[in-house]
Amino acid sequence: MVASYVLTMLSCLKEPSLVGLSPGTLEFFAAQKALILARPLMKRNYDDWYRRLLEDARSAPASGVILELGSGGSYLKDLEPAIVTSDVGPNVADRVIDARSLPFADESLRALLLTHVFHHIPDVDAFFKEAQRALIPGGVISMIEVAHTPFARFFFRHFHHEPYEDACQEWSFAQRDSMMDSNQALAWMVFARDRCLFERRYPLLAIERLAFMPWLTYLVAGGVTARYLIPKFMTGLFIGTERLLQPLQPVFSLHWHICVRKKRKEGLESDRSRSAMAEAFR
């Protein structure tokens, strides 16, 4: 009953500038980008996310392409013009690219950057195999993804239009609509629940960071599909409150910052040495 009431309320709060626009089109993404840039609290979140992604990209050796996957309404390229943007649909970004088949030579990518994209990839096994192949040693996969805190599970399971299937055992899912067909629990499944499996399957990739992100300002800002109801004079109040609530991030965070790095040759040699020593003492 409560969830039904909240959903009714949320439908009344839909952002009117998006009504009538088809998700995945250039017009839809342009409208979303304009909303993000015009909303102080929402832009603050994206600025923080993009800063983290770019820091990861710049930590990789200075050679190769920095590729953004699922660019959509992103303004990441405005912050780093060298980035190559991409999306699965035409006329949206620099290139049309499917994450499961990266059209780049071996060891030619410096970084793969994703914001709210990973959980839309229907076969992440294919993506990771391609990433292992195409990333330079020391290159990174950096992403902002849906978290698995108690509040995130409740919120995304009951009040978001995309599915949150954390009981699913398979990492893959059927997809007809790249914007809607997804599993928002996928990052938790791969990088937390099944971490040992990930490490066995992709020996060249190391999970370097799984960090909770600030959450309050994103929540009250309404994301990129709801009306923005925060008066400008209250912006500082919500930012200050969010800082005070930082110790509660393991309970309330809605997003993770995840960084996965392709191992350098010395890292691989170290792994082999440890494996050899472990085998010798069995």
Protein backbone atom coordinates (compact mmCIF):
# COMPACT_ATOMS: atom_id res chain seq x y z
CA MET A 1 0.00 0.00 0.00
CA VAL A 2 2.74 2.44 0.97
CA ALA A 3 4.83 1.55 -2.08
CA SER A 4 1.78 2.02 -4.33
CA TYR A 5 1.10 5.43 -2.81
CA VAL A 6 4.73 6.51 -3.24
CA LEU A 7 4.77 5.34 -6.86
CA THR A 8 1.63 7.40 -7.53
CA MET A 9 3.31 10.42 -5.97
CA LEU A 10 6.47 9.85 -8.01
CA SER A 11 4.46 9.69 -11.24
CA CYS A 12 3.14 13.16 -10.42
CA LEU A 13 6.69 14.40 -9.96
CA LYS A 14 7.96 13.35 -13.38
CA GLU A 15 10.06 15.95 -15.13
CA PRO A 16 7.79 17.55 -17.78
CA SER A 17 10.63 18.37 -20.19
CA LEU A 18 11.17 14.62 -20.76
CA VAL A 19 7.52 13.84 -21.53
CA GLY A 20 7.09 12.70 -25.11
CA LEU A 21 10.81 12.04 -25.67
CA SER A 22 11.89 8.52 -26.54
CA PRO A 23 14.60 7.17 -24.20
CA GLY A 24 17.86 6.57 -26.03
CA THR A 25 17.41 9.32 -28.61
CA LEU A 26 19.65 12.34 -29.06
CA GLU A 27 16.81 14.62 -27.97
CA PHE A 28 16.23 12.64 -24.78
CA PHE A 29 19.91 12.68 -23.80
CA ALA A 30 20.24 16.38 -24.61
CA ALA A 31 17.28 17.12 -22.31
CA GLN A 32 18.79 15.00 -19.53
CA LYS A 33 22.15 16.76 -19.84
CA ALA A 34 20.45 20.16 -19.66
CA LEU A 35 18.61 19.08 -16.50
CA ILE A 36 21.81 17.90 -14.81
CA LEU A 37 23.64 21.13 -15.61
CA ALA A 38 20.71 23.27 -14.41
CA ARG A 39 20.24 21.49 -11.05
CA PRO A 40 22.92 22.50 -8.51
CA LEU A 41 22.69 19.40 -6.31
CA MET A 42 22.51 16.99 -9.23
CA LYS A 43 25.43 18.66 -11.01
CA ARG A 44 27.41 18.43 -7.78
CA ASN A 45 26.96 14.64 -7.83
CA TYR A 46 27.97 14.30 -11.46
CA ASP A 47 30.96 16.60 -10.98
CA ASP A 48 32.12 14.37 -8.13
CA TRP A 49 31.55 11.20 -10.14
CA TYR A 50 33.37 12.53 -13.19
CA ARG A 51 36.28 13.76 -11.07
CA ARG A 52 36.72 10.25 -9.70
CA LEU A 53 36.52 8.63 -13.14
CA LEU A 54 39.08 11.04 -14.57
CA GLU A 55 41.43 10.53 -11.62
CA ASP A 56 41.33 6.80 -12.30
CA ALA A 57 41.93 7.32 -16.03
CA ARG A 58 44.88 9.64 -15.37
CA SER A 59 46.39 7.10 -12.96
CA ALA A 60 46.92 4.74 -15.90
CA PRO A 61 50.07 4.89 -18.07
CA ALA A 62 49.87 7.86 -20.45
CA SER A 63 49.21 6.01 -23.69
CA GLY A 64 46.12 4.72 -25.43
CA VAL A 65 42.52 5.84 -25.83
CA ILE A 66 40.21 6.90 -23.00
CA LEU A 67 36.81 5.51 -23.99
CA GLU A 68 33.49 6.36 -22.38
CA LEU A 69 30.84 3.68 -22.80
CA GLY A 70 27.13 4.55 -22.79
CA SER A 71 27.81 8.28 -22.97
CA GLY A 72 24.17 9.32 -23.46
CA GLY A 73 23.73 12.73 -21.83
CA SER A 74 27.22 12.78 -20.31
CA TYR A 75 29.32 15.94 -20.20
CA LEU A 76 32.53 14.07 -19.34
CA LYS A 77 34.08 15.04 -22.67
CA ASP A 78 33.59 18.71 -21.74
CA LEU A 79 35.97 18.08 -18.83
CA GLU A 80 38.46 15.99 -20.83
CA PRO A 81 38.27 16.63 -24.60
CA ALA A 82 40.58 13.69 -25.36
CA ILE A 83 37.85 11.22 -24.36
CA VAL A 84 36.17 9.23 -27.13
CA THR A 85 32.44 9.03 -26.36
CA SER A 86 30.26 6.12 -27.44
CA ASP A 87 26.78 4.68 -27.18
CA VAL A 88 24.88 1.71 -28.57
CA GLY A 89 22.57 3.94 -30.61
CA PRO A 90 23.44 6.11 -33.62
CA ASN A 91 23.79 9.91 -33.63
CA VAL A 92 24.37 10.12 -29.87
CA ALA A 93 28.15 10.09 -29.40
CA ASP A 94 31.47 10.01 -31.29
CA ARG A 95 31.09 6.31 -32.06
CA VAL A 96 28.55 3.49 -31.92
CA ILE A 97 30.08 0.80 -29.70
CA ASP A 98 28.77 -2.30 -27.95
CA ALA A 99 30.73 -3.00 -24.74
CA ARG A 100 30.73 -6.71 -25.60
CA SER A 101 32.77 -6.14 -28.75
CA LEU A 102 35.27 -3.30 -28.47
CA PRO A 103 36.58 -2.23 -31.92
CA PHE A 104 40.11 -1.54 -30.68
CA ALA A 105 43.42 -3.32 -31.07
CA ASP A 106 45.01 -5.31 -28.26
CA GLU A 107 46.48 -3.12 -25.50
CA SER A 108 45.29 0.13 -27.08
CA LEU A 109 42.88 1.49 -24.42
CA ARG A 110 44.05 3.52 -21.43
CA ALA A 111 40.69 3.57 -19.67
CA LEU A 112 37.06 2.49 -19.96
CA LEU A 113 34.67 4.87 -18.18
CA LEU A 114 31.04 4.03 -17.34
CA THR A 115 28.37 5.98 -15.45
CA HIS A 116 25.19 3.99 -14.72
CA VAL A 117 26.08 1.75 -17.68
CA PHE A 118 27.53 -1.52 -16.33
CA HIS A 119 24.15 -2.88 -15.17
CA HIS A 120 22.82 -2.43 -18.74
CA ILE A 121 25.43 -4.76 -20.30
CA PRO A 122 23.58 -8.05 -20.90
CA ASP A 123 26.75 -10.17 -21.08
CA VAL A 124 29.44 -8.77 -18.77
CA ASP A 125 31.58 -11.87 -19.28
CA ALA A 126 32.10 -10.79 -22.90
CA PHE A 127 32.80 -7.23 -21.73
CA PHE A 128 35.50 -8.29 -19.26
CA LYS A 129 37.19 -10.54 -21.82
CA GLU A 130 37.26 -7.62 -24.25
CA ALA A 131 38.56 -5.29 -21.53
CA GLN A 132 41.37 -7.72 -20.66
CA ARG A 133 42.36 -7.79 -24.30
CA ALA A 134 42.07 -4.11 -25.19
CA LEU A 135 43.36 -2.36 -22.05
CA ILE A 136 47.03 -1.52 -21.75
CA PRO A 137 48.81 -2.99 -18.69
CA GLY A 138 47.91 -0.62 -15.86
CA GLY A 139 44.79 0.55 -17.70
CA VAL A 140 41.51 0.87 -15.81
CA ILE A 141 37.79 0.22 -15.89
CA SER A 142 36.26 2.97 -13.76
CA MET A 143 32.54 3.18 -13.11
CA ILE A 144 29.76 4.65 -11.01
CA GLU A 145 27.21 1.95 -10.26
CA VAL A 146 24.20 1.13 -8.12
CA ALA A 147 25.22 0.02 -4.61
CA HIS A 148 23.81 -2.76 -2.42
CA THR A 149 23.27 -1.00 0.89
CA PRO A 150 20.02 -1.73 2.80
CA PHE A 151 18.52 1.56 1.64
CA ALA A 152 19.70 1.11 -1.99
CA ARG A 153 18.11 -2.34 -2.11
CA PHE A 154 14.84 -0.97 -0.79
CA PHE A 155 14.84 2.11 -3.01
CA PHE A 156 15.81 0.53 -6.33
CA ARG A 157 13.70 -2.56 -5.79
CA HIS A 158 10.49 -0.64 -5.05
CA PHE A 159 10.80 2.84 -6.54
CA HIS A 160 12.82 2.52 -9.72
CA HIS A 161 11.61 1.47 -13.16
CA GLU A 162 14.60 -0.84 -13.81
CA PRO A 163 14.79 -4.28 -12.15
CA TYR A 164 16.94 -5.00 -9.11
CA GLU A 165 17.39 -8.79 -9.08
CA ASP A 166 20.00 -9.56 -6.43
CA ALA A 167 18.84 -13.18 -6.03
CA CYS A 168 19.76 -13.93 -9.64
CA GLN A 169 22.71 -16.31 -9.98
CA GLU A 170 23.56 -15.51 -13.59
CA TRP A 171 25.43 -12.35 -14.59
CA SER A 172 23.72 -12.25 -17.98
CA PHE A 173 20.14 -11.34 -18.88
CA ALA A 174 17.94 -11.04 -21.95
CA GLN A 175 17.81 -7.60 -23.51
CA ARG A 176 15.50 -6.07 -26.07
CA ASP A 177 15.67 -2.46 -24.90
CA SER A 178 19.16 -1.26 -23.95
CA MET A 179 17.71 1.57 -21.85
CA MET A 180 15.24 -0.46 -19.80
CA ASP A 181 16.39 -4.10 -19.75
CA SER A 182 19.03 -4.37 -17.03
CA ASN A 183 19.82 -5.65 -13.55
CA GLN A 184 20.76 -2.90 -11.11
CA ALA A 185 22.17 -5.46 -8.65
CA LEU A 186 24.78 -6.57 -11.18
CA ALA A 187 27.75 -4.64 -9.74
CA TRP A 188 27.19 -6.15 -6.30
CA MET A 189 26.77 -9.62 -7.79
CA VAL A 190 30.02 -9.43 -9.76
CA PHE A 191 32.36 -7.38 -7.54
CA ALA A 192 31.14 -8.37 -4.05
CA ARG A 193 29.07 -11.55 -3.93
CA ASP A 194 30.98 -13.38 -6.68
CA ARG A 195 34.34 -11.65 -6.26
CA CYS A 196 36.29 -14.93 -6.06
CA LEU A 197 34.69 -16.08 -9.31
CA PHE A 198 35.58 -12.77 -10.94
CA GLU A 199 39.22 -13.15 -9.88
CA ARG A 200 39.39 -16.70 -11.26
CA ARG A 201 37.76 -15.83 -14.57
CA TYR A 202 39.76 -12.67 -15.28
CA PRO A 203 43.27 -13.16 -13.91
CA LEU A 204 44.53 -10.02 -15.65
CA LEU A 205 42.02 -7.78 -13.84
CA ALA A 206 42.23 -6.64 -10.22
CA ILE A 207 39.41 -4.98 -8.26
CA GLU A 208 41.15 -1.92 -6.84
CA ARG A 209 38.29 0.09 -5.34
CA LEU A 210 34.69 -0.43 -4.22
CA ALA A 211 33.78 2.80 -2.41
CA PHE A 212 30.45 4.16 -1.22
CA MET A 213 29.36 7.52 -2.64
CA PRO A 214 27.48 10.44 -1.00
CA TRP A 215 23.75 9.87 -1.34
CA LEU A 216 21.49 12.53 0.20
CA THR A 217 21.88 15.25 -2.44
CA TYR A 218 21.27 12.76 -5.26
CA LEU A 219 18.12 11.50 -3.58
CA VAL A 220 16.55 14.91 -2.88
CA ALA A 221 17.53 16.21 -6.33
CA GLY A 222 15.21 13.65 -7.93
CA GLY A 223 17.72 12.00 -10.22
CA VAL A 224 17.37 12.88 -13.90
CA THR A 225 13.72 11.96 -14.40
CA ALA A 226 11.85 13.78 -11.58
CA ARG A 227 11.13 17.45 -10.97
CA TYR A 228 13.74 19.41 -9.05
CA LEU A 229 12.04 20.85 -5.96
CA ILE A 230 14.97 22.18 -3.91
CA PRO A 231 15.03 26.00 -3.53
CA LYS A 232 18.42 27.48 -4.30
CA PHE A 233 18.84 28.86 -0.77
CA MET A 234 18.65 25.31 0.65
CA THR A 235 21.50 23.93 -1.47
CA GLY A 236 24.16 24.59 1.16
CA LEU A 237 21.99 23.07 3.90
CA PHE A 238 21.66 19.74 2.07
CA ILE A 239 25.39 19.67 1.22
CA GLY A 240 26.28 20.26 4.87
CA THR A 241 23.81 17.62 6.06
CA GLU A 242 25.22 15.12 3.59
CA ARG A 243 28.71 15.64 4.99
CA LEU A 244 27.45 15.05 8.52
CA LEU A 245 25.77 11.84 7.39
CA GLN A 246 28.94 10.40 5.82
CA PRO A 247 29.32 7.72 8.55
CA LEU A 248 25.95 6.33 7.43
CA GLN A 249 27.06 5.67 3.84
CA PRO A 250 27.33 1.86 4.37
CA VAL A 251 23.60 1.90 5.17
CA PHE A 252 22.24 4.56 2.81
CA SER A 253 24.58 5.01 -0.18
CA LEU A 254 22.87 4.59 -3.53
CA HIS A 255 26.04 4.30 -5.62
CA TRP A 256 29.50 2.81 -5.65
CA HIS A 257 32.67 4.09 -7.27
CA ILE A 258 34.37 0.99 -8.66
CA CYS A 259 37.84 0.79 -10.17
CA VAL A 260 39.26 -2.33 -11.82
CA ARG A 261 42.83 -2.27 -13.11
CA LYS A 262 44.56 -4.47 -15.65
CA LYS A 263 47.63 -5.88 -13.98
CA ARG A 264 51.08 -4.77 -15.05
CA LYS A 265 53.63 -7.43 -15.96
CA GLU A 266 55.33 -7.20 -12.56
CA GLY A 267 51.97 -7.79 -10.90
CA LEU A 268 51.41 -10.92 -12.97
CA GLU A 269 54.87 -12.24 -12.07
CA SER A 270 54.10 -11.64 -8.39
CA ASP A 271 50.81 -13.53 -8.71
CA ARG A 272 52.57 -16.45 -10.38
CA SER A 273 55.20 -16.54 -7.64
CA ARG A 274 52.57 -16.63 -4.90
CA SER A 275 50.68 -19.38 -6.73
CA ALA A 276 53.88 -21.41 -7.14
CA MET A 277 54.73 -21.04 -3.43
CA ALA A 278 51.21 -22.04 -2.42
CA GLU A 279 51.40 -25.10 -4.65
CA ALA A 280 54.80 -26.07 -3.21
CA PHE A 281 53.51 -26.06 0.36
CA ARG A 282 50.42 -28.16 -0.34
